[in-house]
Structure formats: C-alpha cells, structure tokens
C-alpha atoms as a PDB file:
ATOM      1  CA  MET A   1      96.431 117.917 105.450  1.00  0.00           C
ATOM      2  CA  LEU A   2      95.020 115.382 103.204  1.00  0.00           C
ATOM      3  CA  PHE A   3      96.453 115.222  99.782  1.00  0.00           C
ATOM      4  CA  THR A   4      93.724 114.450  97.021  1.00  0.00           C
ATOM      5  CA  ARG A   5      95.991 114.516  93.915  1.00  0.00           C
ATOM      6  CA  LEU A   6      97.869 111.222  93.401  1.00  0.00           C
ATOM      7  CA  GLN A   7     101.651 111.561  93.232  1.00  0.00           C
ATOM      8  CA  GLY A   8     104.007 110.582  90.474  1.00  0.00           C
ATOM      9  CA  GLU A   9     103.732 110.136  86.716  1.00  0.00           C
ATOM     10  CA  GLN A  10     102.554 106.559  86.672  1.00  0.00           C
ATOM     11  CA  GLY A  11      98.828 106.101  86.028  1.00  0.00           C
ATOM     12  CA  ARG A  12      96.499 104.589  88.628  1.00  0.00           C
ATOM     13  CA  TRP A  13      93.594 102.303  87.466  1.00  0.00           C
ATOM     14  CA  GLU A  14      90.103 101.576  88.898  1.00  0.00           C
ATOM     15  CA  ASP A  15      87.037  99.553  87.761  1.00  0.00           C
ATOM     16  CA  MET A  16      83.527 100.665  87.036  1.00  0.00           C
ATOM     17  CA  ARG A  17      81.841  97.394  87.749  1.00  0.00           C
ATOM     18  CA  ILE A  18      78.440  96.141  86.356  1.00  0.00           C
ATOM     19  CA  VAL A  19      77.376  92.724  87.789  1.00  0.00           C
ATOM     20  CA  PRO A  20      74.765  90.815  85.843  1.00  0.00           C
ATOM     21  CA  GLY A  21      72.225  91.575  88.757  1.00  0.00           C
ATOM     22  CA  ALA A  22      72.483  95.273  87.610  1.00  0.00           C
ATOM     23  CA  PHE A  23      71.553  94.530  83.974  1.00  0.00           C
ATOM     24  CA  THR A  24      68.233  95.450  82.510  1.00  0.00           C
ATOM     25  CA  PHE A  25      66.456  92.917  80.126  1.00  0.00           C
ATOM     26  CA  PRO A  26      64.618  93.851  76.948  1.00  0.00           C
ATOM     27  CA  GLY A  27      62.014  91.123  77.236  1.00  0.00           C
ATOM     28  CA  ALA A  28      63.105  89.536  73.950  1.00  0.00           C
ATOM     29  CA  ALA A  29      66.673  88.124  73.087  1.00  0.00           C
ATOM     30  CA  ASP A  30      67.306  87.853  76.774  1.00  0.00           C
ATOM     31  CA  PRO A  31      70.150  85.763  78.354  1.00  0.00           C
ATOM     32  CA  VAL A  32      68.873  83.112  80.579  1.00  0.00           C
ATOM     33  CA  LEU A  33      70.030  81.755  83.895  1.00  0.00           C
ATOM     34  CA  ASP A  34      71.536  78.425  83.854  1.00  0.00           C
ATOM     35  CA  SER A  35      73.304  76.306  86.322  1.00  0.00           C
ATOM     36  CA  TRP A  36      77.030  76.079  86.726  1.00  0.00           C
ATOM     37  CA  GLN A  37      78.989  73.688  88.812  1.00  0.00           C
ATOM     38  CA  PRO A  38      82.593  74.966  88.927  1.00  0.00           C
ATOM     39  CA  GLY A  39      85.087  72.310  88.525  1.00  0.00           C
ATOM     40  CA  GLY A  40      82.261  69.861  87.853  1.00  0.00           C
ATOM     41  CA  SER A  41      81.360  69.186  91.430  1.00  0.00           C
ATOM     42  CA  GLY A  42      80.324  70.853  94.722  1.00  0.00           C
ATOM     43  CA  THR A  43      77.788  73.765  94.699  1.00  0.00           C
ATOM     44  CA  THR A  44      75.888  74.780  91.759  1.00  0.00           C
ATOM     45  CA  PHE A  45      75.599  78.409  90.910  1.00  0.00           C
ATOM     46  CA  MET A  46      73.282  80.189  88.636  1.00  0.00           C
ATOM     47  CA  VAL A  47      74.926  82.379  85.891  1.00  0.00           C
ATOM     48  CA  TYR A  48      73.757  84.375  82.984  1.00  0.00           C
ATOM     49  CA  VAL A  49      74.317  82.602  79.631  1.00  0.00           C
ATOM     50  CA  PHE A  50      74.302  84.242  76.264  1.00  0.00           C
ATOM     51  CA  ALA A  51      73.086  82.812  72.991  1.00  0.00           C
ATOM     52  CA  LYS A  52      73.889  84.566  69.762  1.00  0.00           C
ATOM     53  CA  ASN A  53      72.165  88.005  69.533  1.00  0.00           C
ATOM     54  CA  ASP A  54      71.086  87.846  73.343  1.00  0.00           C
ATOM     55  CA  TYR A  55      71.520  91.292  74.942  1.00  0.00           C
ATOM     56  CA  VAL A  56      71.228  93.423  78.143  1.00  0.00           C
ATOM     57  CA  ASN A  57      71.287  97.060  78.894  1.00  0.00           C
ATOM     58  CA  ALA A  58      73.020  98.967  81.623  1.00  0.00           C
ATOM     59  CA  THR A  59      73.739 102.450  82.840  1.00  0.00           C
ATOM     60  CA  CYS A  60      76.821 103.840  84.562  1.00  0.00           C
ATOM     61  CA  GLN A  61      78.131 107.229  85.696  1.00  0.00           C
ATOM     62  CA  ILE A  62      81.801 108.337  85.417  1.00  0.00           C
ATOM     63  CA  PRO A  63      83.154 108.620  89.041  1.00  0.00           C
ATOM     64  CA  HIS A  64      84.631 111.735  90.542  1.00  0.00           C
ATOM     65  CA  THR A  65      88.066 109.903  90.720  1.00  0.00           C
ATOM     66  CA  TYR A  66      88.316 109.731  86.871  1.00  0.00           C
ATOM     67  CA  LYS A  67      91.174 111.539  85.036  1.00  0.00           C
ATOM     68  CA  GLN A  68      89.140 113.543  82.796  1.00  0.00           C
ATOM     69  CA  GLY A  69      89.962 113.127  79.075  1.00  0.00           C
ATOM     70  CA  SER A  70      91.672 109.640  79.523  1.00  0.00           C
ATOM     71  CA  ASP A  71      90.239 106.749  77.602  1.00  0.00           C
ATOM     72  CA  LEU A  72      88.005 104.125  79.087  1.00  0.00           C
ATOM     73  CA  LYS A  73      88.832 100.526  78.685  1.00  0.00           C
ATOM     74  CA  PRO A  74      85.601  98.162  78.675  1.00  0.00           C
ATOM     75  CA  HIS A  75      86.005  94.392  79.039  1.00  0.00           C
ATOM     76  CA  ILE A  76      84.073  91.293  79.642  1.00  0.00           C
ATOM     77  CA  HIS A  77      84.878  88.662  82.440  1.00  0.00           C
ATOM     78  CA  TRP A  78      83.200  85.277  81.212  1.00  0.00           C
ATOM     79  CA  THR A  79      83.560  81.529  81.534  1.00  0.00           C
ATOM     80  CA  PRO A  80      83.090  78.743  78.948  1.00  0.00           C
ATOM     81  CA  ARG A  81      81.852  76.533  82.001  1.00  0.00           C
ATOM     82  CA  ASN A  82      82.217  72.947  81.255  1.00  0.00           C
ATOM     83  CA  ARG A  83      82.693  73.599  77.381  1.00  0.00           C
ATOM     84  CA  GLY A  84      86.284  74.921  77.437  1.00  0.00           C
ATOM     85  CA  VAL A  85      87.708  71.821  75.859  1.00  0.00           C
ATOM     86  CA  SER A  86      84.903  71.393  73.368  1.00  0.00           C
ATOM     87  CA  GLU A  87      84.986  75.017  72.165  1.00  0.00           C
ATOM     88  CA  ASN A  88      88.731  75.292  72.226  1.00  0.00           C
ATOM     89  CA  GLY A  89      89.628  78.017  69.538  1.00  0.00           C
ATOM     90  CA  ASN A  90      86.223  79.031  68.905  1.00  0.00           C
ATOM     91  CA  ASN A  91      85.127  82.782  69.181  1.00  0.00           C
ATOM     92  CA  VAL A  92      82.556  84.377  71.194  1.00  0.00           C
ATOM     93  CA  GLY A  93      81.419  87.668  69.686  1.00  0.00           C
ATOM     94  CA  TRP A  94      80.975  89.832  72.604  1.00  0.00           C
ATOM     95  CA  LYS A  95      80.113  93.542  71.626  1.00  0.00           C
ATOM     96  CA  VAL A  96      79.250  96.727  73.530  1.00  0.00           C
ATOM     97  CA  ASP A  97      77.169  99.552  72.054  1.00  0.00           C
ATOM     98  CA  TYR A  98      77.490 102.761  73.983  1.00  0.00           C
ATOM     99  CA  SER A  99      76.427 106.339  73.982  1.00  0.00           C
ATOM    100  CA  ILE A 100      77.798 109.056  76.574  1.00  0.00           C
ATOM    101  CA  ALA A 101      76.787 112.512  77.610  1.00  0.00           C
ATOM    102  CA  ASN A 102      78.438 114.945  79.949  1.00  0.00           C
ATOM    103  CA  PRO A 103      76.131 116.752  82.462  1.00  0.00           C
ATOM    104  CA  ASP A 104      73.807 119.009  80.585  1.00  0.00           C
ATOM    105  CA  GLY A 105      75.199 117.451  77.436  1.00  0.00           C
ATOM    106  CA  THR A 106      73.564 115.591  74.574  1.00  0.00           C
ATOM    107  CA  PHE A 107      73.889 111.657  73.830  1.00  0.00           C
ATOM    108  CA  GLY A 108      75.179 111.150  70.500  1.00  0.00           C
ATOM    109  CA  PRO A 109      74.756 108.156  68.090  1.00  0.00           C
ATOM    110  CA  SER A 110      75.751 104.859  69.554  1.00  0.00           C
ATOM    111  CA  ILE A 111      79.275 103.448  68.785  1.00  0.00           C
ATOM    112  CA  THR A 112      80.223  99.723  69.002  1.00  0.00           C
ATOM    113  CA  VAL A 113      83.363  98.282  70.734  1.00  0.00           C
ATOM    114  CA  ASP A 114      84.385  94.770  69.699  1.00  0.00           C
ATOM    115  CA  LEU A 115      85.351  92.667  72.647  1.00  0.00           C
ATOM    116  CA  GLN A 116      85.489  89.256  70.665  1.00  0.00           C
ATOM    117  CA  ASP A 117      87.320  86.636  72.422  1.00  0.00           C
ATOM    118  CA  THR A 118      88.690  83.243  71.733  1.00  0.00           C
ATOM    119  CA  CYS A 119      88.169  80.123  74.084  1.00  0.00           C
ATOM    120  CA  ASN A 120      91.492  78.883  75.121  1.00  0.00           C
ATOM    121  CA  GLY A 121      90.427  75.213  75.710  1.00  0.00           C
ATOM    122  CA  VAL A 122      90.261  75.047  79.545  1.00  0.00           C
ATOM    123  CA  ASN A 123      87.028  74.090  81.143  1.00  0.00           C
ATOM    124  CA  HIS A 124      85.726  76.344  84.035  1.00  0.00           C
ATOM    125  CA  ARG A 125      88.275  79.000  83.171  1.00  0.00           C
ATOM    126  CA  HIS A 126      87.847  82.599  84.124  1.00  0.00           C
ATOM    127  CA  GLU A 127      88.294  84.415  80.842  1.00  0.00           C
ATOM    128  CA  ILE A 128      88.950  88.245  80.373  1.00  0.00           C
ATOM    129  CA  THR A 129      88.551  89.754  76.804  1.00  0.00           C
ATOM    130  CA  ARG A 130      91.044  92.272  75.689  1.00  0.00           C
ATOM    131  CA  SER A 131      90.085  95.739  76.673  1.00  0.00           C
ATOM    132  CA  GLY A 132      88.392  97.913  74.021  1.00  0.00           C
ATOM    133  CA  ILE A 133      88.854 101.677  73.839  1.00  0.00           C
ATOM    134  CA  ILE A 134      86.248 104.446  74.388  1.00  0.00           C
ATOM    135  CA  SER A 135      87.940 107.636  73.662  1.00  0.00           C
ATOM    136  CA  GLY A 136      88.088 109.892  76.683  1.00  0.00           C
ATOM    137  CA  THR A 137      88.266 113.120  74.527  1.00  0.00           C
ATOM    138  CA  GLY A 138      85.901 115.537  76.289  1.00  0.00           C
ATOM    139  CA  ILE A 139      84.413 113.106  78.918  1.00  0.00           C
ATOM    140  CA  GLN A 140      83.931 114.699  82.441  1.00  0.00           C
ATOM    141  CA  ILE A 141      82.998 113.400  85.813  1.00  0.00           C
ATOM    142  CA  SER A 142      79.382 112.576  86.201  1.00  0.00           C
ATOM    143  CA  SER A 143      78.956 111.682  82.609  1.00  0.00           C
ATOM    144  CA  ILE A 144      76.447 109.012  81.804  1.00  0.00           C
ATOM    145  CA  LEU A 145      77.216 105.857  79.826  1.00  0.00           C
ATOM    146  CA  GLN A 146      74.112 104.179  78.208  1.00  0.00           C
ATOM    147  CA  LEU A 147      75.167 100.453  77.294  1.00  0.00           C
ATOM    148  CA  LYS A 148      74.037  97.568  75.388  1.00  0.00           C
ATOM    149  CA  ILE A 149      76.071  94.345  76.114  1.00  0.00           C
ATOM    150  CA  TYR A 150      75.522  91.605  73.713  1.00  0.00           C
ATOM    151  CA  ARG A 151      76.721  88.528  71.663  1.00  0.00           C
ATOM    152  CA  SER A 152      77.015  89.216  67.972  1.00  0.00           C
ATOM    153  CA  ASP A 153      76.100  86.785  65.188  1.00  0.00           C
ATOM    154  CA  THR A 154      78.138  88.288  62.628  1.00  0.00           C
ATOM    155  CA  GLY A 155      80.291  85.830  60.618  1.00  0.00           C
ATOM    156  CA  ALA A 156      83.505  84.907  62.032  1.00  0.00           C
ATOM    157  CA  ASP A 157      82.951  87.164  65.171  1.00  0.00           C
ATOM    158  CA  ASP A 158      81.165  84.173  66.804  1.00  0.00           C
ATOM    159  CA  THR A 159      82.099  80.625  66.034  1.00  0.00           C
ATOM    160  CA  TRP A 160      80.909  79.082  69.272  1.00  0.00           C
ATOM    161  CA  ALA A 161      79.198  75.645  68.478  1.00  0.00           C
ATOM    162  CA  GLY A 162      76.900  75.124  71.570  1.00  0.00           C
ATOM    163  CA  THR A 163      73.400  76.442  71.093  1.00  0.00           C
ATOM    164  CA  ILE A 164      71.502  75.152  74.094  1.00  0.00           C
ATOM    165  CA  ALA A 165      71.546  76.761  77.510  1.00  0.00           C
ATOM    166  CA  SER A 166      73.928  74.218  79.015  1.00  0.00           C
ATOM    167  CA  GLN A 167      76.393  74.666  76.279  1.00  0.00           C
ATOM    168  CA  LEU A 168      76.617  78.610  76.187  1.00  0.00           C
ATOM    169  CA  PRO A 169      79.281  81.002  77.514  1.00  0.00           C
ATOM    170  CA  ALA A 170      78.423  82.710  80.756  1.00  0.00           C
ATOM    171  CA  LEU A 171      78.942  86.454  81.406  1.00  0.00           C
ATOM    172  CA  LEU A 172      80.352  86.942  84.890  1.00  0.00           C
ATOM    173  CA  GLU A 173      80.909  90.829  84.847  1.00  0.00           C
ATOM    174  CA  PHE A 174      81.123  93.716  82.626  1.00  0.00           C
ATOM    175  CA  ASP A 175      83.582  96.472  83.714  1.00  0.00           C
ATOM    176  CA  ILE A 176      85.294  99.390  82.545  1.00  0.00           C
ATOM    177  CA  HIS A 177      88.941 100.113  83.650  1.00  0.00           C
ATOM    178  CA  PHE A 178      89.569 103.921  83.903  1.00  0.00           C
ATOM    179  CA  GLU A 179      92.623 106.108  84.951  1.00  0.00           C
ATOM    180  CA  ILE A 180      92.336 108.151  88.172  1.00  0.00           C
ATOM    181  CA  ASN A 181      94.296 111.025  89.208  1.00  0.00           C
ATOM    182  CA  GLU A 182      92.492 112.301  92.510  1.00  0.00           C
ATOM    183  CA  LEU A 183      90.553 110.819  95.307  1.00  0.00           C
ATOM    184  CA  GLY A 184      87.473 112.847  94.142  1.00  0.00           C
ATOM    185  CA  SER A 185      86.655 116.172  92.868  1.00  0.00           C
ATOM    186  CA  GLU A 186      86.985 119.494  94.968  1.00  0.00           C
ATOM    187  CA  GLN A 187      83.592 120.567  93.792  1.00  0.00           C
ATOM    188  CA  GLU A 188      80.283 118.630  93.596  1.00  0.00           C
ATOM    189  CA  LEU A 189      79.926 118.590  89.890  1.00  0.00           C
ATOM    190  CA  ILE A 190      83.419 120.003  88.518  1.00  0.00           C
ATOM    191  CA  LYS A 191      86.806 118.412  88.849  1.00  0.00           C
END
C-alpha cells in the first residue's frame, strides 16, 4: 500500500521554479542577455541582466502536492557577476507583483512583494534574496499565479551604481518555496 500523506509534524518544502527562459517580455523595459564568465575565466554564459525598472512576466500553477492554506515564499537567485566588490553594500530593488485565483475563482488586484537584497561584496557570488510572503489563506491546488518580476527604481530600494549591461545584476532564477503534505491529490482537481 502506498502512503500519500507525509508523516510527522515537521513541514516539508518544495520549489516552484521559473527559469529566465520561461519569462515573457513586455517589449519595452526588457532585461537583456549579457555575457558572464564565472570566476573571470573559462566558458562565457549568457544571462539576463536587469536595469532599473526592467521587468518580465510569468505564470505558474500551484501543484497538487501543496499544503492548502500554507504561505508561499517567493525569492530570487541572482549574481552581481564581476561587480560584487564594486557594489558592496548596495541594494538591488527586486520586486514581484502577483495576482492569484483558485480554479473557477476571480483574480484580485495585484499585491507587491519586496525582495530587496544587498550585495555582500563578493564577485560571482550566488546570492539568494530573503523570502517574501504570499498569504496562503484560501489558496487551493491548481490555483494560478500571474507574476511581474522587476527591479524597482524607488529611492533607497535600489542603490546599485552600475548602469550599463556589463555592470548590471543578473537574475538566475525566480522560485517559490511551498509547504507540501501529500505526494499529490486524491482527485483530479480537489485535494
């Protein structure tokens, strides 16, 4: 017999991952692809770099493993590339606007999650912003999240000095941690 409910009181976590290749671009204020050579030598990779006010859109669906009603925790994986030392202590004003609807529900007005992060002064570092909170109240499996992921230009939110492509922070991935309590749902659309 296969047990689908996870045992124990301790929560279990998973990621909803959105890699930059899954982003949709508005056509204006688009981040651009720029070269990055991790460690300063070897292979050159192309990564999306964000100037102030650049943004992308994405959509994701809440998986069937989601513990209904639990909070979602979005965050951004990014790198200063070769600007870590130069931008030490400067902020990147990462933000996410979202709207969510359950199946057969209605999308409400967007809400902003602040994911501002401070460069720690190390070149080529894999930075991870602190997690924001999206309230899980009323969220069900198969709900849809509409997302706008961007770099804000609001005062002290963003003090990054570099302004040309080779000096901009690169977004590596956007993801949302969510708590799980089953391997899936027992019915197709109902937990």
